[in-house]
Amino acid sequence: MAHNESSSIMFRNRFLPTFIFVAVMTATLVARPTRIAQAGPPQVGEHTQIGIDVLEEQNFAPLRGKRVGLITNQTGMDWQGRRTIDVLAHADGVKLVALFSPEHGIEGKVDATVGNATDSATGLPIYSLYGDTKRPTDQMLRGIDALVFDVQGAGVRFYTFITTMGYCMEAASKHQIAFFVLDRPDPLGGEKIQGPMLDPERMSFVGYFRMPVIYAMTLGELAQMFNAENRTGVELHIIAMKNWRRSQTYDQTGLKWIPPSPNLRTINEVFLYPGIEVLQPAGVSVGRGTDAPFEQVGAPWIHADELLKNLTPRQIPGVRLTAASFTPTGGLYNGEGCEGVKVEIIDRDTFDSIRVGLEIADAMHRLYPLRFQITRLTDLLGSQATVDALIGFQPPASIIASWTNDLAAFRAMRAKYLIYD
């Protein structure tokens, strides 16, 4: 992580009253970010205006006269369904010169490393940030005045798009390039914070910053936090959304859901993803290669009835568990018959994805201690203390309670960087 000079933050340009943005300029002290005023709660029938829509409304003024590099993928669309690539390529006064793609590629279809390419519509080079390098190189950034980030995230710490954003911010700071985030909703909403904190020694591509698994922040808010807490020192501008409240999940915004990766096809799968995905490193299928990823968990060595019998008395809030059998056509156990459980959300208010994951992990550890590789849960949970507690058969509810002080400290720190009410 970069630890450059501290930065101070300027939030509103008084001469452009319709603009809502954040500018971070290098200085000798770290200024405490303040909240950006919003236009008020959404009215009935209003949809959320995402950052690219607001930028269009501003007639691209923040980018005029700049040579722009755009970090994006298939989720980079405006309200009218136009690619951000095409919008910026035809924007007056803006010179789009390069594209950068995160994991899964510019079209979001690849479940492997991705090579460089060329965009057929614009002829622009596409530099992969999930191939030979995960950071923009000096050569890639040559001649660029501004980097613009427009990618829909999943609201989960180990979803790699936020690390790509952090790496790009570091590269922009190094080259004194302005960094713009075209903000988008946290699909899980901006209120519920769940899961353990990342251990300090476990920073990686699936753990860029020390925070919980579910952090309840937009990418713009995360960028502010990364910039100040990591002392990245980049000149940061947030093109904030309009008509979004923290209480809103993605399906309450009026926006069309575009899957950010091949296995997050629905909002339901996004809600299940954090707690179910952490189980995969331990040697179970989480439904990849089926028509219901993250909605079912299984393995060839699991007996569905046995697992369900262990889980049912736990009365896990917000979910219904039933026996499942499936044969993945890709991913772990490709072509092998698996048994396990299907996970159905029946009450989002009480549902806690991490709680579900811990309960399933505890059951598998008790039933299949020689097959379920419980120590591997640290890969994504990122908390050795949590895994040690599971190994010691501590009840998941008490494990969750043990995070209280850490999460309260995170919530207090996070509050400094929130943009929306």
Protein backbone atom coordinates (compact mmCIF):
# COMPACT_ATOMS: atom_id res chain seq x y z
CA MET A 1 0.00 0.00 0.00
CA ALA A 2 1.12 3.52 -0.68
CA HIS A 3 2.02 5.80 2.22
CA ASN A 4 2.66 9.08 0.43
CA GLU A 5 2.30 12.61 1.78
CA SER A 6 -1.03 13.33 3.46
CA SER A 7 -3.77 15.09 1.58
CA SER A 8 -6.37 17.73 2.28
CA ILE A 9 -9.82 17.59 0.75
CA MET A 10 -11.88 20.28 -0.97
CA PHE A 11 -15.53 19.42 -1.39
CA ARG A 12 -17.71 21.97 -3.17
CA ASN A 13 -16.93 24.32 -6.02
CA ARG A 14 -19.06 27.36 -5.21
CA PHE A 15 -18.93 28.56 -8.79
CA LEU A 16 -20.52 25.34 -10.06
CA PRO A 17 -23.55 24.93 -7.78
CA THR A 18 -25.00 22.02 -9.72
CA PHE A 19 -21.80 20.00 -9.28
CA ILE A 20 -21.39 17.60 -6.42
CA PHE A 21 -17.83 16.41 -6.21
CA VAL A 22 -14.80 15.99 -3.99
CA ALA A 23 -11.32 17.25 -4.85
CA VAL A 24 -8.35 15.98 -2.92
CA MET A 25 -5.16 18.06 -3.32
CA THR A 26 -1.73 17.29 -1.91
CA ALA A 27 -0.95 19.21 1.27
CA THR A 28 0.91 18.77 4.54
CA LEU A 29 -2.03 17.76 6.73
CA VAL A 30 -4.81 15.20 6.40
CA ALA A 31 -8.10 17.07 6.44
CA ARG A 32 -11.17 15.38 7.77
CA PRO A 33 -13.66 14.83 4.91
CA THR A 34 -17.12 16.27 5.35
CA ARG A 35 -20.41 15.06 3.99
CA ILE A 36 -21.51 16.15 0.57
CA ALA A 37 -24.95 17.70 0.64
CA GLN A 38 -27.60 15.71 -1.14
CA ALA A 39 -30.66 16.92 -2.97
CA GLY A 40 -32.90 15.19 -0.40
CA PRO A 41 -34.48 11.74 -0.26
CA PRO A 42 -35.72 10.22 -3.48
CA GLN A 43 -39.32 11.01 -4.33
CA VAL A 44 -41.80 8.40 -5.47
CA GLY A 45 -41.04 7.42 -9.05
CA GLU A 46 -37.52 8.87 -9.03
CA HIS A 47 -34.58 6.64 -9.87
CA THR A 48 -31.07 7.01 -8.56
CA GLN A 49 -28.80 9.11 -10.76
CA ILE A 50 -25.39 7.44 -10.80
CA GLY A 51 -22.12 9.28 -11.28
CA ILE A 52 -22.01 9.02 -15.08
CA ASP A 53 -25.52 10.49 -15.29
CA VAL A 54 -24.52 13.39 -13.06
CA LEU A 55 -21.35 13.93 -15.11
CA GLU A 56 -23.46 14.13 -18.27
CA GLU A 57 -25.74 16.62 -16.50
CA GLN A 58 -22.64 18.70 -15.73
CA ASN A 59 -21.76 18.62 -19.45
CA PHE A 60 -18.49 16.86 -18.51
CA ALA A 61 -17.01 20.10 -17.12
CA PRO A 62 -14.71 18.34 -14.58
CA LEU A 63 -13.01 16.42 -17.43
CA ARG A 64 -12.85 19.11 -20.09
CA GLY A 65 -9.40 19.61 -21.55
CA LYS A 66 -8.11 16.34 -20.09
CA ARG A 67 -6.72 13.21 -21.68
CA VAL A 68 -8.64 10.48 -19.92
CA GLY A 69 -8.00 6.85 -19.05
CA LEU A 70 -11.21 4.98 -18.14
CA ILE A 71 -11.30 2.00 -15.76
CA THR A 72 -14.54 0.20 -16.52
CA ASN A 73 -16.34 -2.94 -17.64
CA GLN A 74 -19.81 -3.95 -18.82
CA THR A 75 -21.41 -2.34 -15.74
CA GLY A 76 -20.20 1.08 -16.90
CA MET A 77 -23.54 2.18 -18.39
CA ASP A 78 -25.57 5.34 -18.01
CA TRP A 79 -29.33 5.51 -17.38
CA GLN A 80 -30.01 5.36 -21.11
CA GLY A 81 -28.03 2.15 -21.51
CA ARG A 82 -25.03 3.75 -23.22
CA ARG A 83 -21.54 2.57 -22.36
CA THR A 84 -19.51 5.06 -20.37
CA ILE A 85 -16.79 4.29 -22.92
CA ASP A 86 -18.92 5.64 -25.76
CA VAL A 87 -20.29 8.56 -23.73
CA LEU A 88 -16.79 9.82 -22.89
CA ALA A 89 -15.44 9.04 -26.35
CA HIS A 90 -17.98 11.49 -27.81
CA ALA A 91 -17.97 14.09 -25.02
CA ASP A 92 -17.05 17.61 -26.13
CA GLY A 93 -13.73 18.74 -24.75
CA VAL A 94 -12.79 15.31 -23.41
CA LYS A 95 -10.12 13.13 -25.00
CA LEU A 96 -10.56 9.46 -24.09
CA VAL A 97 -7.20 7.80 -24.83
CA ALA A 98 -7.13 4.43 -23.01
CA LEU A 99 -9.30 1.84 -21.29
CA PHE A 100 -8.48 -0.38 -18.32
CA SER A 101 -10.41 -3.51 -17.35
CA PRO A 102 -10.66 -5.22 -13.92
CA GLU A 103 -11.10 -8.92 -13.14
CA HIS A 104 -13.41 -10.71 -15.61
CA GLY A 105 -12.44 -8.33 -18.44
CA ILE A 106 -14.10 -5.41 -20.18
CA GLU A 107 -17.24 -7.48 -20.88
CA GLY A 108 -17.28 -9.26 -17.51
CA LYS A 109 -17.38 -12.75 -19.00
CA VAL A 110 -13.96 -14.24 -18.22
CA ASP A 111 -13.34 -16.39 -15.13
CA ALA A 112 -9.56 -16.44 -15.66
CA THR A 113 -6.69 -14.05 -16.24
CA VAL A 114 -7.37 -11.52 -18.98
CA GLY A 115 -5.06 -10.21 -21.70
CA ASN A 116 -4.85 -6.76 -23.25
CA ALA A 117 -7.21 -6.06 -26.13
CA THR A 118 -8.69 -3.35 -28.33
CA ASP A 119 -12.20 -1.93 -28.06
CA SER A 120 -13.90 -2.59 -31.39
CA ALA A 121 -16.20 0.45 -31.25
CA THR A 122 -13.59 3.10 -30.43
CA GLY A 123 -10.33 1.44 -31.44
CA LEU A 124 -8.89 2.28 -28.01
CA PRO A 125 -6.41 0.00 -26.26
CA ILE A 126 -7.80 -2.01 -23.33
CA TYR A 127 -5.17 -2.63 -20.67
CA SER A 128 -6.00 -5.59 -18.45
CA LEU A 129 -5.50 -5.11 -14.72
CA TYR A 130 -6.08 -8.81 -14.14
CA GLY A 131 -3.39 -10.33 -16.31
CA ASP A 132 0.36 -9.79 -16.40
CA THR A 133 -0.08 -6.92 -13.97
CA LYS A 134 -2.77 -5.85 -11.53
CA ARG A 135 -1.58 -2.25 -11.46
CA PRO A 136 -1.35 0.32 -14.26
CA THR A 137 2.25 0.51 -15.45
CA ASP A 138 4.16 3.69 -16.22
CA GLN A 139 3.79 2.98 -19.93
CA MET A 140 0.02 2.50 -19.67
CA LEU A 141 -0.35 5.88 -17.98
CA ARG A 142 1.84 7.85 -20.35
CA GLY A 143 0.04 10.94 -21.65
CA ILE A 144 -2.98 10.56 -19.31
CA ASP A 145 -4.17 13.57 -17.26
CA ALA A 146 -7.08 11.90 -15.45
CA LEU A 147 -8.13 8.39 -14.53
CA VAL A 148 -11.89 7.80 -14.30
CA PHE A 149 -13.29 4.80 -12.41
CA ASP A 150 -16.78 3.59 -13.38
CA VAL A 151 -17.39 0.02 -12.20
CA GLN A 152 -20.27 -1.45 -10.20
CA GLY A 153 -19.04 -3.12 -7.03
CA ALA A 154 -20.58 -5.87 -4.90
CA GLY A 155 -20.23 -4.28 -1.46
CA VAL A 156 -17.88 -7.05 -0.27
CA ARG A 157 -14.27 -6.68 0.94
CA PHE A 158 -12.84 -9.57 -1.07
CA TYR A 159 -14.51 -8.56 -4.35
CA THR A 160 -11.42 -7.44 -6.24
CA PHE A 161 -12.78 -4.32 -7.96
CA ILE A 162 -12.09 -2.25 -4.85
CA THR A 163 -8.47 -3.39 -4.81
CA THR A 164 -8.16 -2.44 -8.47
CA MET A 165 -9.50 1.00 -7.57
CA GLY A 166 -7.00 1.30 -4.73
CA TYR A 167 -4.08 0.24 -6.93
CA CYS A 168 -5.14 2.72 -9.62
CA MET A 169 -5.36 5.51 -7.05
CA GLU A 170 -1.82 4.72 -5.93
CA ALA A 171 -0.57 4.78 -9.53
CA ALA A 172 -2.40 8.05 -10.19
CA SER A 173 -0.79 9.62 -7.13
CA LYS A 174 2.65 8.49 -8.24
CA HIS A 175 2.18 10.13 -11.64
CA GLN A 176 0.28 13.18 -10.33
CA ILE A 177 -2.81 12.19 -12.29
CA ALA A 178 -6.25 13.30 -11.09
CA PHE A 179 -8.57 10.44 -10.09
CA PHE A 180 -12.34 10.56 -10.61
CA VAL A 181 -14.87 8.08 -9.21
CA LEU A 182 -18.25 7.99 -10.94
CA ASP A 183 -20.16 6.76 -7.93
CA ARG A 184 -22.66 3.90 -7.89
CA PRO A 185 -24.79 2.33 -5.14
CA ASP A 186 -23.57 -0.27 -2.72
CA PRO A 187 -25.92 -3.06 -3.86
CA LEU A 188 -26.29 -4.34 -0.28
CA GLY A 189 -27.29 -0.90 0.95
CA GLY A 190 -25.27 1.51 3.04
CA GLU A 191 -26.20 0.52 6.58
CA LYS A 192 -25.49 -3.11 7.54
CA ILE A 193 -21.88 -3.83 8.52
CA GLN A 194 -21.12 -7.53 8.94
CA GLY A 195 -18.24 -9.95 9.25
CA PRO A 196 -14.86 -9.81 10.98
CA MET A 197 -12.20 -7.19 10.39
CA LEU A 198 -9.34 -8.14 8.08
CA ASP A 199 -6.19 -9.08 9.98
CA PRO A 200 -3.46 -6.45 9.37
CA GLU A 201 -1.05 -9.07 8.01
CA ARG A 202 -3.58 -10.38 5.48
CA MET A 203 -3.59 -7.43 3.06
CA SER A 204 -3.79 -8.84 -0.48
CA PHE A 205 -5.63 -8.54 -3.78
CA VAL A 206 -8.72 -9.87 -1.96
CA GLY A 207 -8.09 -7.66 1.06
CA TYR A 208 -6.94 -4.16 0.16
CA PHE A 209 -7.95 -2.37 3.36
CA ARG A 210 -8.55 -3.36 6.97
CA MET A 211 -12.33 -3.46 7.14
CA PRO A 212 -15.18 -5.98 7.64
CA VAL A 213 -16.39 -8.33 4.92
CA ILE A 214 -19.52 -6.18 4.43
CA TYR A 215 -18.64 -2.50 4.89
CA ALA A 216 -21.74 -0.56 3.72
CA MET A 217 -19.98 2.10 1.64
CA THR A 218 -20.11 3.22 -1.98
CA LEU A 219 -16.97 3.15 -4.08
CA GLY A 220 -16.74 6.92 -3.81
CA GLU A 221 -16.85 6.71 -0.04
CA LEU A 222 -14.27 3.94 -0.06
CA ALA A 223 -12.01 6.05 -2.27
CA GLN A 224 -12.14 8.88 0.26
CA MET A 225 -11.30 6.48 3.08
CA PHE A 226 -8.45 4.84 1.19
CA ASN A 227 -6.99 8.19 0.20
CA ALA A 228 -6.99 9.63 3.71
CA GLU A 229 -6.28 6.54 5.82
CA ASN A 230 -3.57 5.15 3.51
CA ARG A 231 -2.22 8.68 2.85
CA THR A 232 -2.31 7.95 -0.86
CA GLY A 233 -2.22 11.66 -1.69
CA VAL A 234 -4.08 11.47 -4.99
CA GLU A 235 -6.08 14.41 -6.31
CA LEU A 236 -9.47 12.78 -5.81
CA HIS A 237 -12.82 13.84 -7.26
CA ILE A 238 -16.06 12.03 -6.46
CA ILE A 239 -18.92 12.55 -8.89
CA ALA A 240 -21.62 11.77 -6.35
CA MET A 241 -24.98 10.19 -7.06
CA LYS A 242 -28.31 11.92 -6.69
CA ASN A 243 -31.42 10.33 -5.18
CA TRP A 244 -29.72 7.55 -3.24
CA ARG A 245 -30.18 6.87 0.46
CA ARG A 246 -28.13 4.55 2.63
CA SER A 247 -31.21 2.49 3.40
CA GLN A 248 -31.66 1.57 -0.28
CA THR A 249 -30.47 -1.71 -1.73
CA TYR A 250 -29.83 -1.88 -5.46
CA ASP A 251 -33.28 -3.21 -6.31
CA GLN A 252 -34.80 -0.12 -4.68
CA THR A 253 -32.93 2.36 -6.90
CA GLY A 254 -34.88 1.94 -10.14
CA LEU A 255 -31.63 0.99 -11.88
CA LYS A 256 -31.21 -2.10 -14.02
CA TRP A 257 -28.90 -4.71 -12.50
CA ILE A 258 -25.98 -5.58 -14.78
CA PRO A 259 -24.04 -8.59 -13.43
CA PRO A 260 -20.53 -7.36 -12.50
CA SER A 261 -19.15 -10.89 -12.87
CA PRO A 262 -20.39 -14.18 -14.35
CA ASN A 263 -21.79 -15.59 -11.10
CA LEU A 264 -23.48 -12.52 -9.62
CA ARG A 265 -26.45 -12.64 -11.97
CA THR A 266 -29.11 -11.42 -9.55
CA ILE A 267 -29.38 -9.19 -6.50
CA ASN A 268 -30.38 -12.26 -4.52
CA GLU A 269 -27.04 -13.87 -5.36
CA VAL A 270 -25.22 -10.68 -4.33
CA PHE A 271 -26.83 -10.86 -0.88
CA LEU A 272 -25.86 -14.52 -0.48
CA TYR A 273 -22.37 -14.11 -1.92
CA PRO A 274 -20.36 -12.80 1.09
CA GLY A 275 -21.09 -15.64 3.51
CA ILE A 276 -21.36 -18.45 0.97
CA GLU A 277 -18.25 -17.57 -1.03
CA VAL A 278 -15.99 -17.78 2.05
CA LEU A 279 -16.73 -21.53 2.17
CA GLN A 280 -15.26 -22.38 -1.24
CA PRO A 281 -11.56 -22.39 -0.21
CA ALA A 282 -12.44 -25.05 2.38
CA GLY A 283 -13.28 -27.49 -0.41
CA VAL A 284 -16.99 -27.14 -1.13
CA SER A 285 -18.85 -26.08 -4.26
CA VAL A 286 -20.78 -22.84 -3.83
CA GLY A 287 -22.83 -23.46 -6.95
CA ARG A 288 -20.46 -22.18 -9.59
CA GLY A 289 -21.17 -24.02 -12.81
CA THR A 290 -24.88 -24.33 -11.96
CA ASP A 291 -27.89 -22.12 -12.61
CA ALA A 292 -27.92 -21.05 -8.95
CA PRO A 293 -24.47 -19.84 -7.84
CA PHE A 294 -24.28 -18.96 -4.11
CA GLU A 295 -27.82 -20.27 -3.64
CA GLN A 296 -26.54 -23.77 -2.85
CA VAL A 297 -23.54 -25.37 -1.20
CA GLY A 298 -22.37 -28.95 -1.55
CA ALA A 299 -19.69 -31.53 -2.23
CA PRO A 300 -19.51 -35.20 -3.31
CA TRP A 301 -18.71 -36.22 0.27
CA ILE A 302 -21.68 -34.44 1.90
CA HIS A 303 -24.94 -36.19 2.75
CA ALA A 304 -27.72 -33.64 2.31
CA ASP A 305 -30.09 -35.10 4.90
CA GLU A 306 -27.32 -35.33 7.47
CA LEU A 307 -26.21 -31.73 6.93
CA LEU A 308 -29.76 -30.42 6.96
CA LYS A 309 -30.51 -32.31 10.19
CA ASN A 310 -27.59 -30.52 11.84
CA LEU A 311 -28.52 -27.08 10.52
CA THR A 312 -32.30 -27.01 10.95
CA PRO A 313 -32.41 -26.80 14.77
CA ARG A 314 -30.14 -23.74 14.64
CA GLN A 315 -33.05 -21.61 13.36
CA ILE A 316 -30.73 -19.28 11.45
CA PRO A 317 -32.53 -15.93 11.07
CA GLY A 318 -33.81 -14.82 7.66
CA VAL A 319 -33.22 -18.01 5.68
CA ARG A 320 -34.85 -21.29 4.74
CA LEU A 321 -32.56 -24.27 4.21
CA THR A 322 -33.56 -27.33 2.17
CA ALA A 323 -31.72 -30.37 0.84
CA ALA A 324 -29.98 -29.88 -2.49
CA SER A 325 -28.27 -32.04 -5.08
CA PHE A 326 -26.51 -30.69 -8.16
CA THR A 327 -23.74 -31.40 -10.64
CA PRO A 328 -21.54 -28.40 -11.50
CA THR A 329 -20.54 -28.00 -15.14
CA GLY A 330 -17.55 -25.89 -14.19
CA GLY A 331 -15.50 -24.83 -11.20
CA LEU A 332 -14.88 -27.06 -8.21
CA TYR A 333 -16.21 -30.65 -8.65
CA ASN A 334 -16.90 -30.09 -12.33
CA GLY A 335 -19.03 -33.01 -13.56
CA GLU A 336 -19.33 -34.60 -10.10
CA GLY A 337 -22.61 -35.09 -8.27
CA CYS A 338 -22.80 -32.97 -5.11
CA GLU A 339 -25.18 -32.98 -2.16
CA GLY A 340 -25.69 -30.16 0.30
CA VAL A 341 -28.17 -27.43 1.10
CA LYS A 342 -30.07 -24.78 -0.79
CA VAL A 343 -30.13 -21.35 0.89
CA GLU A 344 -33.21 -19.17 0.39
CA ILE A 345 -33.52 -15.67 1.84
CA ILE A 346 -36.97 -15.21 3.38
CA ASP A 347 -36.38 -12.02 5.41
CA ARG A 348 -33.70 -9.54 4.38
CA ASP A 349 -34.09 -7.51 7.58
CA THR A 350 -32.88 -10.37 9.78
CA PHE A 351 -30.68 -12.11 7.19
CA ASP A 352 -26.93 -12.05 7.87
CA SER A 353 -24.93 -13.70 5.10
CA ILE A 354 -21.83 -14.09 7.27
CA ARG A 355 -23.89 -15.75 10.02
CA VAL A 356 -25.21 -18.25 7.45
CA GLY A 357 -21.68 -19.00 6.27
CA LEU A 358 -20.39 -19.54 9.80
CA GLU A 359 -23.28 -21.85 10.71
CA ILE A 360 -22.71 -23.99 7.60
CA ALA A 361 -18.96 -24.04 8.28
CA ASP A 362 -19.55 -25.11 11.89
CA ALA A 363 -21.87 -27.91 10.77
CA MET A 364 -19.45 -29.19 8.14
CA HIS A 365 -16.55 -29.05 10.59
CA ARG A 366 -18.52 -31.18 13.04
CA LEU A 367 -19.77 -33.67 10.43
CA TYR A 368 -16.84 -33.90 8.02
CA PRO A 369 -13.68 -32.83 9.90
CA LEU A 370 -11.38 -34.79 7.58
CA ARG A 371 -12.85 -33.37 4.36
CA PHE A 372 -13.85 -29.81 5.23
CA GLN A 373 -10.61 -27.77 5.24
CA ILE A 374 -11.66 -25.30 7.91
CA THR A 375 -8.27 -23.59 8.18
CA ARG A 376 -8.68 -22.35 4.60
CA LEU A 377 -11.57 -20.10 5.65
CA THR A 378 -8.98 -17.45 6.48
CA ASP A 379 -8.41 -16.99 2.73
CA LEU A 380 -11.50 -14.80 2.43
CA LEU A 381 -12.75 -14.27 5.97
CA GLY A 382 -9.34 -12.77 6.66
CA SER A 383 -9.58 -13.32 10.43
CA GLN A 384 -7.47 -15.95 12.17
CA ALA A 385 -9.29 -15.44 15.48
CA THR A 386 -12.62 -16.19 13.80
CA VAL A 387 -11.34 -19.40 12.24
CA ASP A 388 -9.66 -20.46 15.48
CA ALA A 389 -13.01 -19.99 17.23
CA LEU A 390 -14.73 -22.18 14.64
CA ILE A 391 -12.04 -24.84 15.02
CA GLY A 392 -12.72 -24.73 18.77
CA PHE A 393 -16.47 -25.28 18.16
CA GLN A 394 -17.51 -21.90 19.55
CA PRO A 395 -21.11 -21.06 18.56
CA PRO A 396 -21.32 -18.71 15.56
CA ALA A 397 -23.51 -16.28 17.51
CA SER A 398 -20.79 -15.83 20.14
CA ILE A 399 -18.13 -15.46 17.43
CA ILE A 400 -20.16 -12.66 15.86
CA ALA A 401 -20.55 -11.01 19.27
CA SER A 402 -16.75 -11.02 19.66
CA TRP A 403 -16.45 -8.61 16.72
CA THR A 404 -18.52 -5.89 18.43
CA ASN A 405 -15.71 -3.59 19.55
CA ASP A 406 -13.77 -3.85 16.28
CA LEU A 407 -16.87 -3.11 14.22
CA ALA A 408 -17.78 -0.15 16.42
CA ALA A 409 -14.30 1.30 15.88
CA PHE A 410 -14.60 0.77 12.13
CA ARG A 411 -18.03 2.38 12.07
CA ALA A 412 -16.66 5.47 13.83
CA MET A 413 -13.73 5.77 11.42
CA ARG A 414 -15.93 5.11 8.39
CA ALA A 415 -18.35 7.90 9.38
CA LYS A 416 -15.78 10.53 8.41
CA TYR A 417 -15.97 9.50 4.76
CA LEU A 418 -19.68 9.01 4.17
CA ILE A 419 -21.26 11.12 1.43
CA TYR A 420 -24.90 10.09 1.59
CA ASP A 421 -27.56 10.12 4.32
